[in-house]
Amino acid sequence: MTELVTFGETMLRLSPAHGERLETARELEARAGGAESNVAVGAARLGVEAAWVSKLPDSPLGRRIVSELRSHGVQTGVSWADPETTRLGTYYLETGGDPRGTSVIYDRADAAITTVTPEELPTDVFESAERFHTTGITPALSEAAAETTRTLLRAAGEAGVTRSFDLNYRAKLWSPEDARKAYEELFAEIDLLFAPYRDARSVLGRDGEAIEVAHGLAAEFDFETVVVTRGTEGAIALRDGEVHQQKVFEAETFDAIGTGDAFVAGFLANRLRGGGVADALEWAAATAALKRTIGGDLAVVTPEEVEAVVDGAGGIGR
């Protein structure tokens, strides 16, 4: 049985040691990283039967991605592509403190995911699934990936699966205008929307405070639930006309990459365990805080650690 299915691109993350420059590094650390697989791993670590479906090159690098995800309990449904004509996308992460900050270089041209079609993926996973999740990164990769995203969202809906979507806008992939058009074409197939406040304003053109943004999106697109994240100001969720608010949990940041995906994983995991929206928001914030203390994209956490953060234990407070 699969409770949560995710779909999207996973890349190989290559990064020098903290503080070191790419141009002088002698060694690079390799890890798997992708928004939807990050969510699947986080949810699996929290006790959810999670699966990730995608397309990868049939190469050592493609198999490495599968191996890493499976090591965290994620089931994988992969369409294997010819490594002579496709490749695995990579990204290089250089981490530095202020004022230099962190920089990312993407190298994803001709990635296998850009040629994906719905027929290549195991859509029978929806037969037992309760939730399906994807993000706004995937439809930005290619027309084929966009069409597959639409088809899978529609198939999940027809199977009675609750569908969630994280805007996850990436300026390096497309313009705000193109992203807005693509997002709004998908909104009819989405039940739960995760929207960073900055993206709701800059991409969707929403004005007002986060609560007003959530009400406006829910009213216009008939979402069952809207979650608006506001960085250090916490998050709000709107469902059935009721607004829930959640502050962030303090955390010492070692690696912030994947924090938003950890938030989504915590929210979905709690909802799959029967929690209400307020409890799910709390789990989301706690999982995100824990992720900030962990290197790599993945939230390698346990339910006990999340509960400890929620309860104010483990040296981490609200």
Protein backbone atom coordinates (compact mmCIF):
# COMPACT_ATOMS: atom_id res chain seq x y z
CA MET A 1 0.00 0.00 0.00
CA THR A 2 1.16 3.54 -0.79
CA GLU A 3 -0.25 6.46 1.17
CA LEU A 4 1.64 9.31 -0.51
CA VAL A 5 2.84 9.51 -4.12
CA THR A 6 5.12 12.31 -5.35
CA PHE A 7 6.26 13.13 -8.88
CA GLY A 8 9.12 15.30 -10.04
CA GLU A 9 12.79 15.72 -10.86
CA THR A 10 15.60 14.60 -8.59
CA MET A 11 19.13 15.78 -9.27
CA LEU A 12 22.56 15.04 -7.91
CA ARG A 13 23.71 17.79 -5.57
CA LEU A 14 27.46 18.41 -5.61
CA SER A 15 28.94 20.71 -3.01
CA PRO A 16 32.33 21.62 -1.52
CA ALA A 17 32.80 21.83 2.24
CA HIS A 18 31.08 24.72 4.04
CA GLY A 19 32.87 27.96 3.29
CA GLU A 20 34.98 26.58 0.45
CA ARG A 21 34.74 27.92 -3.10
CA LEU A 22 33.88 25.71 -6.06
CA GLU A 23 36.83 27.06 -8.01
CA THR A 24 39.31 25.89 -5.38
CA ALA A 25 37.59 22.75 -4.04
CA ARG A 26 39.42 19.44 -4.38
CA GLU A 27 36.47 17.33 -3.24
CA LEU A 28 32.70 17.55 -3.79
CA GLU A 29 30.08 15.86 -1.65
CA ALA A 30 27.33 14.09 -3.64
CA ARG A 31 23.73 13.85 -2.41
CA ALA A 32 20.29 13.39 -3.97
CA GLY A 33 18.09 16.46 -4.08
CA GLY A 34 14.69 17.26 -5.59
CA ALA A 35 11.61 18.97 -4.17
CA GLU A 36 9.18 16.06 -4.58
CA SER A 37 11.60 13.32 -3.55
CA ASN A 38 12.61 15.46 -0.56
CA VAL A 39 8.94 15.45 0.49
CA ALA A 40 8.70 11.69 -0.03
CA VAL A 41 11.79 11.06 2.11
CA GLY A 42 10.63 13.40 4.87
CA ALA A 43 7.21 11.77 4.97
CA ALA A 44 8.70 8.26 4.91
CA ARG A 45 10.96 9.15 7.82
CA LEU A 46 7.82 10.19 9.69
CA GLY A 47 6.14 6.82 9.16
CA VAL A 48 4.28 7.34 5.89
CA GLU A 49 4.26 4.72 3.11
CA ALA A 50 5.65 7.05 0.44
CA ALA A 51 6.52 6.59 -3.23
CA TRP A 52 8.31 8.78 -5.76
CA VAL A 53 7.76 8.37 -9.51
CA SER A 54 9.93 9.93 -12.19
CA LYS A 55 12.26 9.30 -15.13
CA LEU A 56 16.01 8.76 -14.83
CA PRO A 57 18.86 7.76 -17.12
CA ASP A 58 19.76 4.08 -16.85
CA SER A 59 23.24 4.93 -15.63
CA PRO A 60 25.26 4.70 -12.43
CA LEU A 61 24.12 8.20 -11.46
CA GLY A 62 20.46 7.39 -12.08
CA ARG A 63 20.74 4.20 -10.05
CA ARG A 64 22.47 6.14 -7.29
CA ILE A 65 19.42 8.37 -6.92
CA VAL A 66 17.14 5.37 -6.53
CA SER A 67 19.47 3.74 -4.03
CA GLU A 68 19.61 6.83 -1.84
CA LEU A 69 15.84 7.35 -1.82
CA ARG A 70 15.17 3.69 -1.08
CA SER A 71 17.62 3.80 1.83
CA HIS A 72 15.13 6.12 3.55
CA GLY A 73 12.16 3.83 2.94
CA VAL A 74 10.79 5.51 -0.20
CA GLN A 75 9.32 3.26 -2.89
CA THR A 76 10.38 4.25 -6.41
CA GLY A 77 8.57 3.94 -9.72
CA VAL A 78 11.09 4.93 -12.37
CA SER A 79 11.02 4.99 -16.14
CA TRP A 80 14.59 4.28 -17.25
CA ALA A 81 15.90 6.31 -20.20
CA ASP A 82 18.73 5.69 -22.64
CA PRO A 83 21.89 7.16 -21.06
CA GLU A 84 23.25 7.87 -24.54
CA THR A 85 20.59 10.51 -25.18
CA THR A 86 19.60 11.70 -21.69
CA ARG A 87 21.36 12.45 -18.45
CA LEU A 88 20.85 13.17 -14.78
CA GLY A 89 20.55 16.83 -13.90
CA THR A 90 23.02 18.14 -11.35
CA TYR A 91 23.39 21.23 -9.26
CA TYR A 92 26.35 22.73 -7.48
CA LEU A 93 25.86 24.32 -4.08
CA GLU A 94 28.46 26.70 -2.66
CA THR A 95 27.70 27.59 0.96
CA GLY A 96 29.13 30.72 2.51
CA GLY A 97 28.27 33.10 5.31
CA ASP A 98 27.35 36.77 5.03
CA PRO A 99 28.05 38.83 3.06
CA ARG A 100 28.90 36.22 0.40
CA GLY A 101 25.95 33.95 1.07
CA THR A 102 25.03 30.72 -0.70
CA SER A 103 25.02 30.28 -4.48
CA VAL A 104 23.56 27.56 -6.70
CA ILE A 105 24.59 26.58 -10.24
CA TYR A 106 22.18 24.31 -12.14
CA ASP A 107 23.21 21.92 -14.89
CA ARG A 108 20.02 20.16 -15.95
CA ALA A 109 19.95 20.44 -19.77
CA ASP A 110 18.79 17.23 -21.51
CA ALA A 111 17.81 15.63 -18.21
CA ALA A 112 15.71 12.48 -18.62
CA ILE A 113 12.75 14.05 -16.79
CA THR A 114 12.32 16.56 -19.65
CA THR A 115 11.14 13.73 -21.94
CA VAL A 116 8.76 12.04 -19.48
CA THR A 117 5.28 10.95 -20.60
CA PRO A 118 2.36 9.71 -18.46
CA GLU A 119 2.40 6.30 -20.16
CA GLU A 120 5.91 5.66 -18.85
CA LEU A 121 4.96 6.01 -15.19
CA PRO A 122 3.21 3.52 -12.87
CA THR A 123 -0.08 5.37 -12.37
CA ASP A 124 -1.55 2.26 -10.74
CA VAL A 125 0.03 3.57 -7.52
CA PHE A 126 -2.98 5.85 -7.20
CA GLU A 127 -5.21 2.84 -6.57
CA SER A 128 -4.12 2.67 -2.93
CA ALA A 129 -2.79 6.20 -2.40
CA GLU A 130 -4.46 8.83 -0.25
CA ARG A 131 -2.43 11.82 -1.38
CA PHE A 132 -0.46 12.96 -4.44
CA HIS A 133 2.08 15.77 -4.33
CA THR A 134 4.05 17.70 -6.92
CA THR A 135 5.46 21.20 -7.30
CA GLY A 136 5.75 24.13 -9.66
CA ILE A 137 9.30 23.14 -10.54
CA THR A 138 8.27 20.13 -12.60
CA PRO A 139 6.03 21.81 -15.21
CA ALA A 140 8.77 24.40 -15.74
CA LEU A 141 11.24 21.79 -17.01
CA SER A 142 9.65 21.07 -20.41
CA GLU A 143 6.32 20.85 -22.20
CA ALA A 144 6.43 17.07 -21.80
CA ALA A 145 6.94 17.41 -18.04
CA ALA A 146 4.13 19.99 -17.85
CA GLU A 147 1.70 17.74 -19.74
CA THR A 148 2.62 14.77 -17.56
CA THR A 149 2.05 16.86 -14.44
CA ARG A 150 -1.43 17.80 -15.67
CA THR A 151 -2.26 14.21 -16.57
CA LEU A 152 -1.12 12.79 -13.25
CA LEU A 153 -3.03 15.42 -11.26
CA ARG A 154 -6.16 14.59 -13.25
CA ALA A 155 -5.66 10.84 -12.83
CA ALA A 156 -5.15 11.22 -9.10
CA GLY A 157 -8.35 13.24 -8.83
CA GLU A 158 -10.31 10.64 -10.74
CA ALA A 159 -8.99 8.03 -8.33
CA GLY A 160 -10.24 10.04 -5.35
CA VAL A 161 -6.74 11.02 -4.22
CA THR A 162 -6.20 14.36 -2.45
CA ARG A 163 -3.77 16.42 -4.54
CA SER A 164 -1.31 18.96 -3.16
CA PHE A 165 0.89 21.42 -5.05
CA ASP A 166 3.71 23.66 -3.85
CA LEU A 167 4.26 26.73 -6.04
CA ASN A 168 8.04 26.50 -5.53
CA TYR A 169 8.73 29.23 -8.09
CA ARG A 170 12.23 29.18 -9.59
CA ALA A 171 13.27 32.35 -11.42
CA LYS A 172 16.08 30.49 -13.21
CA LEU A 173 13.49 28.27 -14.94
CA TRP A 174 10.87 30.72 -16.18
CA SER A 175 9.38 34.20 -15.87
CA PRO A 176 6.67 35.11 -13.35
CA GLU A 177 4.21 35.58 -16.21
CA ASP A 178 4.84 32.13 -17.69
CA ALA A 179 4.75 30.52 -14.26
CA ARG A 180 1.45 32.18 -13.34
CA LYS A 181 -0.20 31.01 -16.54
CA ALA A 182 0.99 27.44 -16.02
CA TYR A 183 0.04 27.38 -12.34
CA GLU A 184 -3.46 28.67 -12.93
CA GLU A 185 -4.04 26.06 -15.63
CA LEU A 186 -3.33 23.41 -13.00
CA PHE A 187 -5.30 24.91 -10.11
CA ALA A 188 -8.56 23.19 -11.07
CA GLU A 189 -6.81 19.86 -10.37
CA ILE A 190 -5.45 20.83 -6.93
CA ASP A 191 -7.05 20.40 -3.52
CA LEU A 192 -4.29 21.69 -1.24
CA LEU A 193 -2.05 24.59 -2.23
CA PHE A 194 1.24 25.45 -0.53
CA ALA A 195 2.17 29.02 -1.46
CA PRO A 196 5.18 30.94 -0.19
CA TYR A 197 3.92 34.46 0.50
CA ARG A 198 6.62 36.00 -1.70
CA ASP A 199 5.55 33.81 -4.65
CA ALA A 200 1.88 34.57 -4.14
CA ARG A 201 2.70 38.26 -4.42
CA SER A 202 5.35 38.29 -7.15
CA VAL A 203 4.06 35.46 -9.35
CA LEU A 204 0.31 35.27 -8.70
CA GLY A 205 -0.02 39.02 -8.26
CA ARG A 206 -1.80 38.80 -4.89
CA ASP A 207 -2.02 41.83 -2.60
CA GLY A 208 -2.68 42.07 1.11
CA GLU A 209 -1.57 40.12 4.14
CA ALA A 210 -1.13 36.34 4.10
CA ILE A 211 -4.63 35.70 5.45
CA GLU A 212 -6.17 37.85 2.71
CA VAL A 213 -4.06 36.01 0.12
CA ALA A 214 -5.26 32.64 1.39
CA HIS A 215 -8.92 33.69 1.35
CA GLY A 216 -8.58 35.13 -2.15
CA LEU A 217 -6.95 32.00 -3.59
CA ALA A 218 -9.44 29.67 -1.91
CA ALA A 219 -12.40 31.69 -3.14
CA GLU A 220 -11.17 32.04 -6.73
CA PHE A 221 -9.88 28.52 -7.30
CA ASP A 222 -11.98 26.50 -4.84
CA PHE A 223 -9.05 24.96 -2.97
CA GLU A 224 -10.02 22.85 0.03
CA THR A 225 -6.94 24.07 1.94
CA VAL A 226 -4.45 26.89 1.37
CA VAL A 227 -1.20 27.07 3.32
CA VAL A 228 0.80 30.30 3.04
CA THR A 229 4.35 30.23 4.38
CA ARG A 230 6.04 33.45 5.48
CA GLY A 231 9.63 32.51 6.29
CA THR A 232 10.63 33.63 9.78
CA GLU A 233 7.12 34.95 10.37
CA GLY A 234 5.65 31.45 10.35
CA ALA A 235 2.73 30.10 8.34
CA ILE A 236 -1.03 30.25 8.13
CA ALA A 237 -3.53 27.70 6.84
CA LEU A 238 -7.10 28.22 5.71
CA ARG A 239 -9.62 25.38 5.62
CA ASP A 240 -13.44 25.50 5.80
CA GLY A 241 -13.26 29.22 6.48
CA GLU A 242 -11.11 28.73 9.58
CA VAL A 243 -7.63 30.26 9.79
CA HIS A 244 -4.82 28.55 11.71
CA GLN A 245 -1.53 30.26 12.48
CA GLN A 246 1.86 28.77 13.37
CA LYS A 247 5.08 30.41 14.46
CA VAL A 248 8.49 29.05 13.53
CA PHE A 249 10.53 26.95 15.93
CA GLU A 250 13.98 28.34 16.57
CA ALA A 251 16.82 26.38 14.99
CA GLU A 252 20.54 26.76 14.47
CA THR A 253 20.90 26.63 10.70
CA PHE A 254 23.50 24.27 9.30
CA ASP A 255 21.89 23.77 5.86
CA ALA A 256 18.69 25.56 4.85
CA ILE A 257 18.23 23.78 1.50
CA GLY A 258 15.11 21.61 1.58
CA THR A 259 13.48 23.40 4.52
CA GLY A 260 10.31 24.14 2.56
CA ASP A 261 10.06 20.53 1.42
CA ALA A 262 10.50 19.36 5.02
CA PHE A 263 7.63 21.67 6.01
CA VAL A 264 5.39 20.05 3.39
CA ALA A 265 6.47 16.56 4.46
CA GLY A 266 5.62 17.26 8.09
CA PHE A 267 2.23 18.70 7.17
CA LEU A 268 1.25 15.81 4.90
CA ALA A 269 2.55 13.15 7.31
CA ASN A 270 0.48 14.52 10.16
CA ARG A 271 -2.65 14.80 8.02
CA LEU A 272 -2.18 11.21 6.84
CA ARG A 273 -2.08 10.18 10.49
CA GLY A 274 -5.44 11.83 11.09
CA GLY A 275 -4.22 15.13 12.50
CA GLY A 276 -6.15 18.34 12.06
CA VAL A 277 -4.85 21.35 10.18
CA ALA A 278 -3.52 23.06 13.33
CA ASP A 279 -1.59 19.96 14.39
CA ALA A 280 -0.29 19.48 10.84
CA LEU A 281 1.00 23.06 10.78
CA GLU A 282 2.82 22.44 14.05
CA TRP A 283 4.41 19.26 12.70
CA ALA A 284 5.34 21.09 9.51
CA ALA A 285 7.12 23.86 11.42
CA ALA A 286 8.91 21.38 13.67
CA THR A 287 10.09 19.23 10.76
CA ALA A 288 11.34 22.34 8.95
CA ALA A 289 13.27 23.46 12.04
CA LEU A 290 14.94 20.06 12.36
CA LYS A 291 15.87 20.06 8.67
CA ARG A 292 17.83 23.29 9.10
CA THR A 293 20.21 21.43 11.42
CA ILE A 294 20.88 18.64 8.88
CA GLY A 295 23.24 18.68 5.89
CA GLY A 296 21.87 17.87 2.45
CA ASP A 297 18.40 18.31 0.97
CA LEU A 298 16.70 15.55 2.96
CA ALA A 299 14.92 15.79 6.30
CA VAL A 300 16.48 12.77 7.99
CA VAL A 301 14.30 12.98 11.08
CA THR A 302 12.14 10.77 13.30
CA PRO A 303 8.62 11.24 14.65
CA GLU A 304 10.06 11.33 18.16
CA GLU A 305 12.33 14.24 17.25
CA VAL A 306 9.42 16.16 15.74
CA GLU A 307 7.32 15.55 18.84
CA ALA A 308 10.19 16.74 21.02
CA VAL A 309 10.38 20.02 19.11
CA VAL A 310 6.61 20.45 19.31
CA ASP A 311 6.73 19.81 23.05
CA GLY A 312 9.59 22.26 23.51
CA ALA A 313 12.15 19.57 24.37
CA GLY A 314 15.47 18.79 22.77
CA GLY A 315 16.86 22.28 23.36
CA ILE A 316 14.62 23.83 20.72
CA GLY A 317 11.87 26.24 21.71
CA ARG A 318 9.10 28.07 19.96
